[in-house]
């Protein structure tokens, strides 16, 4: 069985504070099990995490991770949500902060 880190993705953009955590876990589980989302059997959903709007999805099969990452447009939709929410799905890494923080690169301006 593959290590948990190779079977886990980081999901950002999870709507925060709209629903009870258990309901959001259920919605995320359903989303990532659907074949139209390139999903598969979900072993575990970690939500909430220490980071606002972030969840960890662990799949039973590491191949599902590659499949889920290939899908470009993840839209979290459920009748319990008032609208759909775009999700960003990235590979899991041990030090999560650099994985989820996407700061724009600003040009350096030098003035004499």
PDB file of N, CA and C in Angstrom:
ATOM      1  N   UNK A   1       0.849  -1.197   0.000  1.00  0.00           N
ATOM      2  CA  UNK A   1       0.000   0.000   0.000  1.00  0.00           C
ATOM      3  C   UNK A   1       0.879   1.239   0.000  1.00  0.00           C
ATOM      4  N   UNK A   2       0.581   2.162  -0.875  1.00  0.00           N
ATOM      5  CA  UNK A   2       1.401   3.371  -1.017  1.00  0.00           C
ATOM      6  C   UNK A   2       1.278   4.254   0.217  1.00  0.00           C
ATOM      7  N   UNK A   3       2.342   5.000   0.480  1.00  0.00           N
ATOM      8  CA  UNK A   3       2.347   5.925   1.618  1.00  0.00           C
ATOM      9  C   UNK A   3       1.196   6.915   1.477  1.00  0.00           C
ATOM     10  N   UNK A   4       0.695   7.349   2.611  1.00  0.00           N
ATOM     11  CA  UNK A   4      -0.446   8.256   2.615  1.00  0.00           C
ATOM     12  C   UNK A   4      -0.175   9.521   1.808  1.00  0.00           C
ATOM     13  N   UNK A   5       1.050  10.050   1.898  1.00  0.00           N
ATOM     14  CA  UNK A   5       1.363  11.297   1.197  1.00  0.00           C
ATOM     15  C   UNK A   5       1.256  11.153  -0.320  1.00  0.00           C
ATOM     16  N   UNK A   6       1.480   9.954  -0.865  1.00  0.00           N
ATOM     17  CA  UNK A   6       1.374   9.759  -2.310  1.00  0.00           C
ATOM     18  C   UNK A   6      -0.070   9.541  -2.741  1.00  0.00           C
ATOM     19  N   UNK A   7      -0.961   9.392  -1.782  1.00  0.00           N
ATOM     20  CA  UNK A   7      -2.376   9.179  -2.093  1.00  0.00           C
ATOM     21  C   UNK A   7      -3.231  10.385  -1.701  1.00  0.00           C
ATOM     22  N   UNK A   8      -2.579  11.516  -1.379  1.00  0.00           N
ATOM     23  CA  UNK A   8      -3.296  12.678  -0.856  1.00  0.00           C
ATOM     24  C   UNK A   8      -3.102  13.892  -1.752  1.00  0.00           C
ATOM     25  N   UNK A   9      -4.176  14.675  -1.895  1.00  0.00           N
ATOM     26  CA  UNK A   9      -4.102  15.961  -2.594  1.00  0.00           C
ATOM     27  C   UNK A   9      -4.513  17.062  -1.624  1.00  0.00           C
ATOM     28  N   UNK A  10      -4.049  18.278  -1.937  1.00  0.00           N
ATOM     29  CA  UNK A  10      -4.410  19.463  -1.170  1.00  0.00           C
ATOM     30  C   UNK A  10      -5.458  20.208  -1.985  1.00  0.00           C
ATOM     31  N   UNK A  11      -6.563  20.555  -1.346  1.00  0.00           N
ATOM     32  CA  UNK A  11      -7.642  21.262  -2.023  1.00  0.00           C
ATOM     33  C   UNK A  11      -7.797  22.633  -1.379  1.00  0.00           C
ATOM     34  N   UNK A  12      -7.702  23.680  -2.194  1.00  0.00           N
ATOM     35  CA  UNK A  12      -7.927  25.030  -1.686  1.00  0.00           C
ATOM     36  C   UNK A  12      -9.167  25.611  -2.365  1.00  0.00           C
ATOM     37  N   UNK A  13      -9.752  26.602  -1.724  1.00  0.00           N
ATOM     38  CA  UNK A  13     -10.968  27.207  -2.251  1.00  0.00           C
ATOM     39  C   UNK A  13     -12.229  26.622  -1.656  1.00  0.00           C
ATOM     40  N   UNK A  14     -12.076  25.788  -0.623  1.00  0.00           N
ATOM     41  CA  UNK A  14     -13.240  25.198   0.035  1.00  0.00           C
ATOM     42  C   UNK A  14     -13.987  26.333   0.747  1.00  0.00           C
ATOM     43  N   UNK A  15     -15.301  26.475   0.483  1.00  0.00           N
ATOM     44  CA  UNK A  15     -16.038  27.556   1.142  1.00  0.00           C
ATOM     45  C   UNK A  15     -16.008  27.380   2.655  1.00  0.00           C
ATOM     46  N   UNK A  16     -15.664  28.444   3.326  1.00  0.00           N
ATOM     47  CA  UNK A  16     -15.435  28.379   4.767  1.00  0.00           C
ATOM     48  C   UNK A  16     -16.623  28.941   5.538  1.00  0.00           C
ATOM     49  N   UNK A  17     -17.073  28.212   6.552  1.00  0.00           N
ATOM     50  CA  UNK A  17     -18.090  28.726   7.455  1.00  0.00           C
ATOM     51  C   UNK A  17     -19.514  28.693   6.929  1.00  0.00           C
ATOM     52  N   UNK A  18     -19.740  28.130   5.745  1.00  0.00           N
ATOM     53  CA  UNK A  18     -21.099  28.095   5.197  1.00  0.00           C
ATOM     54  C   UNK A  18     -21.934  26.972   5.792  1.00  0.00           C
ATOM     55  N   UNK A  19     -21.300  25.838   5.969  1.00  0.00           N
ATOM     56  CA  UNK A  19     -21.996  24.649   6.449  1.00  0.00           C
ATOM     57  C   UNK A  19     -21.205  24.029   7.592  1.00  0.00           C
ATOM     58  N   UNK A  20     -21.853  23.109   8.306  1.00  0.00           N
ATOM     59  CA  UNK A  20     -21.126  22.388   9.355  1.00  0.00           C
ATOM     60  C   UNK A  20     -19.998  21.595   8.710  1.00  0.00           C
ATOM     61  N   UNK A  21     -18.915  21.431   9.465  1.00  0.00           N
ATOM     62  CA  UNK A  21     -17.725  20.747   8.937  1.00  0.00           C
ATOM     63  C   UNK A  21     -18.057  19.348   8.415  1.00  0.00           C
ATOM     64  N   UNK A  22     -18.911  18.612   9.139  1.00  0.00           N
ATOM     65  CA  UNK A  22     -19.246  17.242   8.729  1.00  0.00           C
ATOM     66  C   UNK A  22     -19.947  17.240   7.376  1.00  0.00           C
ATOM     67  N   UNK A  23     -20.786  18.245   7.138  1.00  0.00           N
ATOM     68  CA  UNK A  23     -21.495  18.334   5.852  1.00  0.00           C
ATOM     69  C   UNK A  23     -20.508  18.654   4.734  1.00  0.00           C
ATOM     70  N   UNK A  24     -19.562  19.553   5.004  1.00  0.00           N
ATOM     71  CA  UNK A  24     -18.563  19.890   3.989  1.00  0.00           C
ATOM     72  C   UNK A  24     -17.698  18.666   3.674  1.00  0.00           C
ATOM     73  N   UNK A  25     -17.353  17.882   4.674  1.00  0.00           N
ATOM     74  CA  UNK A  25     -16.593  16.646   4.444  1.00  0.00           C
ATOM     75  C   UNK A  25     -17.387  15.731   3.513  1.00  0.00           C
ATOM     76  N   UNK A  26     -18.683  15.620   3.744  1.00  0.00           N
ATOM     77  CA  UNK A  26     -19.544  14.780   2.919  1.00  0.00           C
ATOM     78  C   UNK A  26     -19.572  15.289   1.478  1.00  0.00           C
ATOM     79  N   UNK A  27     -19.725  16.599   1.290  1.00  0.00           N
ATOM     80  CA  UNK A  27     -19.758  17.192  -0.052  1.00  0.00           C
ATOM     81  C   UNK A  27     -18.430  16.969  -0.774  1.00  0.00           C
ATOM     82  N   UNK A  28     -17.315  17.152  -0.065  1.00  0.00           N
ATOM     83  CA  UNK A  28     -15.994  16.938  -0.674  1.00  0.00           C
ATOM     84  C   UNK A  28     -15.801  15.469  -1.046  1.00  0.00           C
ATOM     85  N   UNK A  29     -16.234  14.569  -0.168  1.00  0.00           N
ATOM     86  CA  UNK A  29     -16.112  13.133  -0.449  1.00  0.00           C
ATOM     87  C   UNK A  29     -16.865  12.782  -1.720  1.00  0.00           C
ATOM     88  N   UNK A  30     -18.103  13.247  -1.815  1.00  0.00           N
ATOM     89  CA  UNK A  30     -18.918  12.965  -2.999  1.00  0.00           C
ATOM     90  C   UNK A  30     -18.249  13.521  -4.255  1.00  0.00           C
ATOM     91  N   UNK A  31     -17.763  14.767  -4.186  1.00  0.00           N
ATOM     92  CA  UNK A  31     -17.121  15.398  -5.354  1.00  0.00           C
ATOM     93  C   UNK A  31     -15.944  14.556  -5.851  1.00  0.00           C
ATOM     94  N   UNK A  32     -15.094  14.133  -4.930  1.00  0.00           N
ATOM     95  CA  UNK A  32     -13.863  13.444  -5.344  1.00  0.00           C
ATOM     96  C   UNK A  32     -14.053  11.958  -5.596  1.00  0.00           C
ATOM     97  N   UNK A  33     -15.270  11.441  -5.378  1.00  0.00           N
ATOM     98  CA  UNK A  33     -15.554  10.052  -5.746  1.00  0.00           C
ATOM     99  C   UNK A  33     -16.193   9.953  -7.129  1.00  0.00           C
ATOM    100  N   UNK A  34     -16.675  11.075  -7.648  1.00  0.00           N
ATOM    101  CA  UNK A  34     -17.367  11.048  -8.944  1.00  0.00           C
ATOM    102  C   UNK A  34     -16.387  10.845 -10.093  1.00  0.00           C
ATOM    103  N   UNK A  35     -16.772   9.971 -11.025  1.00  0.00           N
ATOM    104  CA  UNK A  35     -15.906   9.709 -12.177  1.00  0.00           C
ATOM    105  C   UNK A  35     -15.786  10.950 -13.064  1.00  0.00           C
ATOM    106  N   UNK A  36     -16.817  11.797 -13.113  1.00  0.00           N
ATOM    107  CA  UNK A  36     -16.714  13.003 -13.963  1.00  0.00           C
ATOM    108  C   UNK A  36     -15.693  13.995 -13.420  1.00  0.00           C
ATOM    109  N   UNK A  37     -15.291  13.821 -12.164  1.00  0.00           N
ATOM    110  CA  UNK A  37     -14.231  14.648 -11.582  1.00  0.00           C
ATOM    111  C   UNK A  37     -12.901  13.900 -11.558  1.00  0.00           C
ATOM    112  N   UNK A  38     -12.830  12.804 -12.350  1.00  0.00           N
ATOM    113  CA  UNK A  38     -11.644  11.940 -12.414  1.00  0.00           C
ATOM    114  C   UNK A  38     -11.330  11.325 -11.051  1.00  0.00           C
ATOM    115  N   UNK A  39     -12.343  11.190 -10.213  1.00  0.00           N
ATOM    116  CA  UNK A  39     -12.140  10.724  -8.839  1.00  0.00           C
ATOM    117  C   UNK A  39     -12.114   9.222  -8.695  1.00  0.00           C
ATOM    118  N   UNK A  40     -12.115   8.812  -7.427  1.00  0.00           N
ATOM    119  CA  UNK A  40     -12.092   7.401  -7.086  1.00  0.00           C
ATOM    120  C   UNK A  40     -12.424   7.250  -5.615  1.00  0.00           C
ATOM    121  N   UNK A  41     -12.199   6.068  -5.101  1.00  0.00           N
ATOM    122  CA  UNK A  41     -12.552   5.794  -3.704  1.00  0.00           C
ATOM    123  C   UNK A  41     -11.747   6.667  -2.750  1.00  0.00           C
ATOM    124  N   UNK A  42     -12.460   7.426  -1.936  1.00  0.00           N
ATOM    125  CA  UNK A  42     -11.840   8.316  -0.954  1.00  0.00           C
ATOM    126  C   UNK A  42     -11.692   7.555   0.357  1.00  0.00           C
ATOM    127  N   UNK A  43     -10.460   7.569   0.869  1.00  0.00           N
ATOM    128  CA  UNK A  43     -10.201   6.918   2.162  1.00  0.00           C
ATOM    129  C   UNK A  43     -10.497   7.873   3.314  1.00  0.00           C
ATOM    130  N   UNK A  44     -10.097   9.146   3.135  1.00  0.00           N
ATOM    131  CA  UNK A  44     -10.228  10.092   4.238  1.00  0.00           C
ATOM    132  C   UNK A  44     -10.268  11.525   3.707  1.00  0.00           C
ATOM    133  N   UNK A  45     -11.088  12.357   4.359  1.00  0.00           N
ATOM    134  CA  UNK A  45     -11.113  13.788   4.090  1.00  0.00           C
ATOM    135  C   UNK A  45     -10.748  14.483   5.392  1.00  0.00           C
ATOM    136  N   UNK A  46      -9.699  15.292   5.353  1.00  0.00           N
ATOM    137  CA  UNK A  46      -9.295  16.056   6.535  1.00  0.00           C
ATOM    138  C   UNK A  46      -9.765  17.496   6.334  1.00  0.00           C
ATOM    139  N   UNK A  47     -10.781  17.854   7.104  1.00  0.00           N
ATOM    140  CA  UNK A  47     -11.342  19.196   7.058  1.00  0.00           C
ATOM    141  C   UNK A  47     -12.118  19.419   8.343  1.00  0.00           C
ATOM    142  N   UNK A  48     -11.969  20.547   9.001  1.00  0.00           N
ATOM    143  CA  UNK A  48     -11.076  21.643   8.650  1.00  0.00           C
ATOM    144  C   UNK A  48      -9.627  21.300   8.972  1.00  0.00           C
ATOM    145  N   UNK A  49      -8.736  22.106   8.426  1.00  0.00           N
ATOM    146  CA  UNK A  49      -7.309  21.954   8.701  1.00  0.00           C
ATOM    147  C   UNK A  49      -6.852  23.235   9.380  1.00  0.00           C
ATOM    148  N   UNK A  50      -5.566  23.364   9.594  1.00  0.00           N
ATOM    149  CA  UNK A  50      -5.033  24.572  10.208  1.00  0.00           C
ATOM    150  C   UNK A  50      -5.085  25.777   9.281  1.00  0.00           C
ATOM    151  N   UNK A  51      -5.378  25.539   8.002  1.00  0.00           N
ATOM    152  CA  UNK A  51      -5.444  26.615   7.015  1.00  0.00           C
ATOM    153  C   UNK A  51      -6.884  26.796   6.550  1.00  0.00           C
ATOM    154  N   UNK A  52      -7.352  28.021   6.564  1.00  0.00           N
ATOM    155  CA  UNK A  52      -8.724  28.342   6.187  1.00  0.00           C
ATOM    156  C   UNK A  52      -8.995  27.971   4.726  1.00  0.00           C
ATOM    157  N   UNK A  53     -10.102  27.271   4.479  1.00  0.00           N
ATOM    158  CA  UNK A  53     -10.487  26.933   3.116  1.00  0.00           C
ATOM    159  C   UNK A  53      -9.674  25.826   2.484  1.00  0.00           C
ATOM    160  N   UNK A  54      -8.938  25.064   3.312  1.00  0.00           N
ATOM    161  CA  UNK A  54      -8.073  23.998   2.802  1.00  0.00           C
ATOM    162  C   UNK A  54      -8.545  22.649   3.340  1.00  0.00           C
ATOM    163  N   UNK A  55      -8.545  21.652   2.464  1.00  0.00           N
ATOM    164  CA  UNK A  55      -8.870  20.282   2.865  1.00  0.00           C
ATOM    165  C   UNK A  55      -7.821  19.344   2.266  1.00  0.00           C
ATOM    166  N   UNK A  56      -7.654  18.199   2.905  1.00  0.00           N
ATOM    167  CA  UNK A  56      -6.786  17.141   2.372  1.00  0.00           C
ATOM    168  C   UNK A  56      -7.669  15.956   2.027  1.00  0.00           C
ATOM    169  N   UNK A  57      -7.524  15.457   0.807  1.00  0.00           N
ATOM    170  CA  UNK A  57      -8.293  14.304   0.361  1.00  0.00           C
ATOM    171  C   UNK A  57      -7.307  13.162   0.155  1.00  0.00           C
ATOM    172  N   UNK A  58      -7.512  12.055   0.859  1.00  0.00           N
ATOM    173  CA  UNK A  58      -6.666  10.871   0.702  1.00  0.00           C
ATOM    174  C   UNK A  58      -7.478   9.790  -0.002  1.00  0.00           C
ATOM    175  N   UNK A  59      -6.934   9.303  -1.103  1.00  0.00           N
ATOM    176  CA  UNK A  59      -7.590   8.268  -1.902  1.00  0.00           C
ATOM    177  C   UNK A  59      -7.044   6.896  -1.530  1.00  0.00           C
ATOM    178  N   UNK A  60      -7.820   5.853  -1.817  1.00  0.00           N
ATOM    179  CA  UNK A  60      -7.358   4.491  -1.554  1.00  0.00           C
ATOM    180  C   UNK A  60      -6.282   4.084  -2.562  1.00  0.00           C
ATOM    181  N   UNK A  61      -6.380   4.602  -3.791  1.00  0.00           N
ATOM    182  CA  UNK A  61      -5.460   4.233  -4.864  1.00  0.00           C
ATOM    183  C   UNK A  61      -4.626   5.456  -5.276  1.00  0.00           C
ATOM    184  N   UNK A  62      -3.295   5.355  -5.242  1.00  0.00           N
ATOM    185  CA  UNK A  62      -2.463   6.507  -5.613  1.00  0.00           C
ATOM    186  C   UNK A  62      -2.657   6.955  -7.062  1.00  0.00           C
ATOM    187  N   UNK A  63      -3.126   6.071  -7.945  1.00  0.00           N
ATOM    188  CA  UNK A  63      -3.334   6.446  -9.342  1.00  0.00           C
ATOM    189  C   UNK A  63      -4.454   7.474  -9.490  1.00  0.00           C
ATOM    190  N   UNK A  64      -5.384   7.483  -8.546  1.00  0.00           N
ATOM    191  CA  UNK A  64      -6.486   8.449  -8.596  1.00  0.00           C
ATOM    192  C   UNK A  64      -5.943   9.864  -8.419  1.00  0.00           C
ATOM    193  N   UNK A  65      -4.863  10.012  -7.643  1.00  0.00           N
ATOM    194  CA  UNK A  65      -4.262  11.334  -7.431  1.00  0.00           C
ATOM    195  C   UNK A  65      -3.874  11.938  -8.780  1.00  0.00           C
ATOM    196  N   UNK A  66      -3.174  11.168  -9.617  1.00  0.00           N
ATOM    197  CA  UNK A  66      -2.763  11.663 -10.935  1.00  0.00           C
ATOM    198  C   UNK A  66      -3.972  12.056 -11.769  1.00  0.00           C
ATOM    199  N   UNK A  67      -4.989  11.234 -11.716  1.00  0.00           N
ATOM    200  CA  UNK A  67      -6.206  11.477 -12.483  1.00  0.00           C
ATOM    201  C   UNK A  67      -6.899  12.770 -12.034  1.00  0.00           C
ATOM    202  N   UNK A  68      -7.028  12.950 -10.735  1.00  0.00           N
ATOM    203  CA  UNK A  68      -7.683  14.144 -10.178  1.00  0.00           C
ATOM    204  C   UNK A  68      -6.876  15.393 -10.511  1.00  0.00           C
ATOM    205  N   UNK A  69      -5.550  15.299 -10.449  1.00  0.00           N
ATOM    206  CA  UNK A  69      -4.699  16.454 -10.745  1.00  0.00           C
ATOM    207  C   UNK A  69      -4.777  16.855 -12.219  1.00  0.00           C
ATOM    208  N   UNK A  70      -5.087  15.898 -13.104  1.00  0.00           N
ATOM    209  CA  UNK A  70      -5.168  16.197 -14.536  1.00  0.00           C
ATOM    210  C   UNK A  70      -6.423  16.985 -14.885  1.00  0.00           C
ATOM    211  N   UNK A  71      -7.458  16.855 -14.077  1.00  0.00           N
ATOM    212  CA  UNK A  71      -8.695  17.607 -14.341  1.00  0.00           C
ATOM    213  C   UNK A  71      -8.435  19.065 -14.000  1.00  0.00           C
ATOM    214  N   UNK A  72      -8.641  19.949 -14.974  1.00  0.00           N
ATOM    215  CA  UNK A  72      -8.279  21.348 -14.774  1.00  0.00           C
ATOM    216  C   UNK A  72      -9.317  22.147 -14.011  1.00  0.00           C
ATOM    217  N   UNK A  73     -10.594  21.801 -14.179  1.00  0.00           N
ATOM    218  CA  UNK A  73     -11.641  22.646 -13.618  1.00  0.00           C
ATOM    219  C   UNK A  73     -12.482  21.876 -12.607  1.00  0.00           C
ATOM    220  N   UNK A  74     -12.129  21.984 -11.345  1.00  0.00           N
ATOM    221  CA  UNK A  74     -12.929  21.365 -10.285  1.00  0.00           C
ATOM    222  C   UNK A  74     -13.911  22.398  -9.754  1.00  0.00           C
ATOM    223  N   UNK A  75     -15.201  22.115  -9.897  1.00  0.00           N
ATOM    224  CA  UNK A  75     -16.251  22.988  -9.375  1.00  0.00           C
ATOM    225  C   UNK A  75     -17.006  22.224  -8.295  1.00  0.00           C
ATOM    226  N   UNK A  76     -16.954  22.741  -7.078  1.00  0.00           N
ATOM    227  CA  UNK A  76     -17.665  22.096  -5.979  1.00  0.00           C
ATOM    228  C   UNK A  76     -19.135  22.496  -6.073  1.00  0.00           C
ATOM    229  N   UNK A  77     -19.981  21.503  -6.365  1.00  0.00           N
ATOM    230  CA  UNK A  77     -21.405  21.759  -6.533  1.00  0.00           C
ATOM    231  C   UNK A  77     -22.188  20.769  -5.683  1.00  0.00           C
ATOM    232  N   UNK A  78     -23.216  21.278  -5.025  1.00  0.00           N
ATOM    233  CA  UNK A  78     -24.078  20.442  -4.206  1.00  0.00           C
ATOM    234  C   UNK A  78     -25.345  21.234  -3.926  1.00  0.00           C
ATOM    235  N   UNK A  79     -26.449  20.534  -3.800  1.00  0.00           N
ATOM    236  CA  UNK A  79     -27.709  21.247  -3.543  1.00  0.00           C
ATOM    237  C   UNK A  79     -27.690  21.975  -2.196  1.00  0.00           C
ATOM    238  N   UNK A  80     -26.778  21.582  -1.322  1.00  0.00           N
ATOM    239  CA  UNK A  80     -26.670  22.257  -0.020  1.00  0.00           C
ATOM    240  C   UNK A  80     -25.846  23.539  -0.093  1.00  0.00           C
ATOM    241  N   UNK A  81     -25.221  23.781  -1.240  1.00  0.00           N
ATOM    242  CA  UNK A  81     -24.457  25.019  -1.454  1.00  0.00           C
ATOM    243  C   UNK A  81     -25.279  25.964  -2.317  1.00  0.00           C
ATOM    244  N   UNK A  82     -25.203  27.250  -2.033  1.00  0.00           N
ATOM    245  CA  UNK A  82     -25.992  28.227  -2.779  1.00  0.00           C
ATOM    246  C   UNK A  82     -25.430  28.484  -4.178  1.00  0.00           C
ATOM    247  N   UNK A  83     -24.187  28.131  -4.412  1.00  0.00           N
ATOM    248  CA  UNK A  83     -23.543  28.324  -5.715  1.00  0.00           C
ATOM    249  C   UNK A  83     -22.436  27.296  -5.860  1.00  0.00           C
ATOM    250  N   UNK A  84     -21.794  27.272  -7.028  1.00  0.00           N
ATOM    251  CA  UNK A  84     -20.650  26.374  -7.186  1.00  0.00           C
ATOM    252  C   UNK A  84     -19.384  27.142  -6.819  1.00  0.00           C
ATOM    253  N   UNK A  85     -18.405  26.419  -6.335  1.00  0.00           N
ATOM    254  CA  UNK A  85     -17.146  27.022  -5.901  1.00  0.00           C
ATOM    255  C   UNK A  85     -15.993  26.380  -6.644  1.00  0.00           C
ATOM    256  N   UNK A  86     -15.142  27.204  -7.290  1.00  0.00           N
ATOM    257  CA  UNK A  86     -13.971  26.631  -7.958  1.00  0.00           C
ATOM    258  C   UNK A  86     -12.952  26.159  -6.922  1.00  0.00           C
ATOM    259  N   UNK A  87     -12.435  24.970  -7.138  1.00  0.00           N
ATOM    260  CA  UNK A  87     -11.422  24.412  -6.238  1.00  0.00           C
ATOM    261  C   UNK A  87     -10.095  24.336  -6.973  1.00  0.00           C
ATOM    262  N   UNK A  88      -9.030  24.474  -6.229  1.00  0.00           N
ATOM    263  CA  UNK A  88      -7.689  24.279  -6.779  1.00  0.00           C
ATOM    264  C   UNK A  88      -7.135  23.026  -6.123  1.00  0.00           C
ATOM    265  N   UNK A  89      -6.737  22.069  -6.926  1.00  0.00           N
ATOM    266  CA  UNK A  89      -6.239  20.792  -6.431  1.00  0.00           C
ATOM    267  C   UNK A  89      -4.764  20.681  -6.772  1.00  0.00           C
ATOM    268  N   UNK A  90      -3.934  20.464  -5.749  1.00  0.00           N
ATOM    269  CA  UNK A  90      -2.489  20.353  -5.955  1.00  0.00           C
ATOM    270  C   UNK A  90      -1.958  19.116  -5.241  1.00  0.00           C
ATOM    271  N   UNK A  91      -0.758  18.728  -5.611  1.00  0.00           N
ATOM    272  CA  UNK A  91      -0.104  17.592  -4.968  1.00  0.00           C
ATOM    273  C   UNK A  91       0.162  17.900  -3.505  1.00  0.00           C
ATOM    274  N   UNK A  92       0.126  16.871  -2.704  1.00  0.00           N
ATOM    275  CA  UNK A  92       0.427  17.007  -1.283  1.00  0.00           C
ATOM    276  C   UNK A  92       1.934  17.067  -1.103  1.00  0.00           C
ATOM    277  N   UNK A  93       2.389  17.895  -0.185  1.00  0.00           N
ATOM    278  CA  UNK A  93       3.790  17.854   0.214  1.00  0.00           C
ATOM    279  C   UNK A  93       3.859  18.053   1.717  1.00  0.00           C
ATOM    280  N   UNK A  94       4.931  17.582   2.304  1.00  0.00           N
ATOM    281  CA  UNK A  94       5.044  17.587   3.763  1.00  0.00           C
ATOM    282  C   UNK A  94       4.940  18.990   4.358  1.00  0.00           C
ATOM    283  N   UNK A  95       5.572  19.962   3.705  1.00  0.00           N
ATOM    284  CA  UNK A  95       5.518  21.335   4.189  1.00  0.00           C
ATOM    285  C   UNK A  95       4.450  22.041   3.362  1.00  0.00           C
ATOM    286  N   UNK A  96       3.238  22.087   3.880  1.00  0.00           N
ATOM    287  CA  UNK A  96       2.085  22.497   3.094  1.00  0.00           C
ATOM    288  C   UNK A  96       2.136  23.959   2.660  1.00  0.00           C
ATOM    289  N   UNK A  97       2.670  24.841   3.483  1.00  0.00           N
ATOM    290  CA  UNK A  97       2.615  26.267   3.186  1.00  0.00           C
ATOM    291  C   UNK A  97       3.070  26.614   1.767  1.00  0.00           C
ATOM    292  N   UNK A  98       4.254  26.158   1.315  1.00  0.00           N
ATOM    293  CA  UNK A  98       4.645  26.519  -0.047  1.00  0.00           C
ATOM    294  C   UNK A  98       3.747  25.881  -1.103  1.00  0.00           C
ATOM    295  N   UNK A  99       3.065  24.806  -0.740  1.00  0.00           N
ATOM    296  CA  UNK A  99       2.201  24.132  -1.712  1.00  0.00           C
ATOM    297  C   UNK A  99       0.939  24.934  -1.996  1.00  0.00           C
ATOM    298  N   UNK A 100       0.423  25.630  -0.984  1.00  0.00           N
ATOM    299  CA  UNK A 100      -0.865  26.275  -1.166  1.00  0.00           C
ATOM    300  C   UNK A 100      -0.774  27.777  -1.333  1.00  0.00           C
ATOM    301  N   UNK A 101       0.375  28.355  -1.031  1.00  0.00           N
ATOM    302  CA  UNK A 101       0.506  29.796  -1.172  1.00  0.00           C
ATOM    303  C   UNK A 101       1.027  30.092  -2.567  1.00  0.00           C
ATOM    304  N   UNK A 102       0.257  30.808  -3.323  1.00  0.00           N
ATOM    305  CA  UNK A 102       0.593  31.106  -4.706  1.00  0.00           C
ATOM    306  C   UNK A 102       0.748  32.610  -4.843  1.00  0.00           C
ATOM    307  N   UNK A 103       1.844  33.140  -4.417  1.00  0.00           N
ATOM    308  CA  UNK A 103       2.029  34.580  -4.467  1.00  0.00           C
ATOM    309  C   UNK A 103       2.463  35.004  -5.859  1.00  0.00           C
ATOM    310  N   UNK A 104       1.898  36.097  -6.361  1.00  0.00           N
ATOM    311  CA  UNK A 104       2.344  36.562  -7.676  1.00  0.00           C
ATOM    312  C   UNK A 104       3.781  37.074  -7.588  1.00  0.00           C
ATOM    313  N   UNK A 105       4.500  36.914  -8.661  1.00  0.00           N
ATOM    314  CA  UNK A 105       5.873  37.407  -8.697  1.00  0.00           C
ATOM    315  C   UNK A 105       5.830  38.871  -9.119  1.00  0.00           C
ATOM    316  N   UNK A 106       6.310  39.725  -8.256  1.00  0.00           N
ATOM    317  CA  UNK A 106       6.292  41.155  -8.545  1.00  0.00           C
ATOM    318  C   UNK A 106       7.632  41.576  -9.135  1.00  0.00           C
ATOM    319  N   UNK A 107       7.604  42.438 -10.146  1.00  0.00           N
ATOM    320  CA  UNK A 107       8.882  42.883 -10.726  1.00  0.00           C
ATOM    321  C   UNK A 107       9.618  43.784  -9.737  1.00  0.00           C
ATOM    322  N   UNK A 108      10.924  43.695  -9.755  1.00  0.00           N
ATOM    323  CA  UNK A 108      11.731  44.560  -8.914  1.00  0.00           C
ATOM    324  C   UNK A 108      11.859  45.922  -9.589  1.00  0.00           C
ATOM    325  N   UNK A 109      11.614  46.946  -8.845  1.00  0.00           N
ATOM    326  CA  UNK A 109      11.733  48.302  -9.403  1.00  0.00           C
ATOM    327  C   UNK A 109      12.894  48.976  -8.704  1.00  0.00           C
ATOM    328  N   UNK A 110      13.842  49.392  -9.494  1.00  0.00           N
ATOM    329  CA  UNK A 110      15.019  50.070  -8.924  1.00  0.00           C
ATOM    330  C   UNK A 110      14.981  51.520  -9.343  1.00  0.00           C
ATOM    331  N   UNK A 111      15.026  52.371  -8.382  1.00  0.00           N
ATOM    332  CA  UNK A 111      15.048  53.810  -8.679  1.00  0.00           C
ATOM    333  C   UNK A 111      16.333  54.395  -8.103  1.00  0.00           C
ATOM    334  N   UNK A 112      17.145  55.069  -8.953  1.00  0.00           N
ATOM    335  CA  UNK A 112      18.404  55.643  -8.464  1.00  0.00           C
ATOM    336  C   UNK A 112      18.176  56.851  -7.580  1.00  0.00           C
TER     337      UNK A 112
END
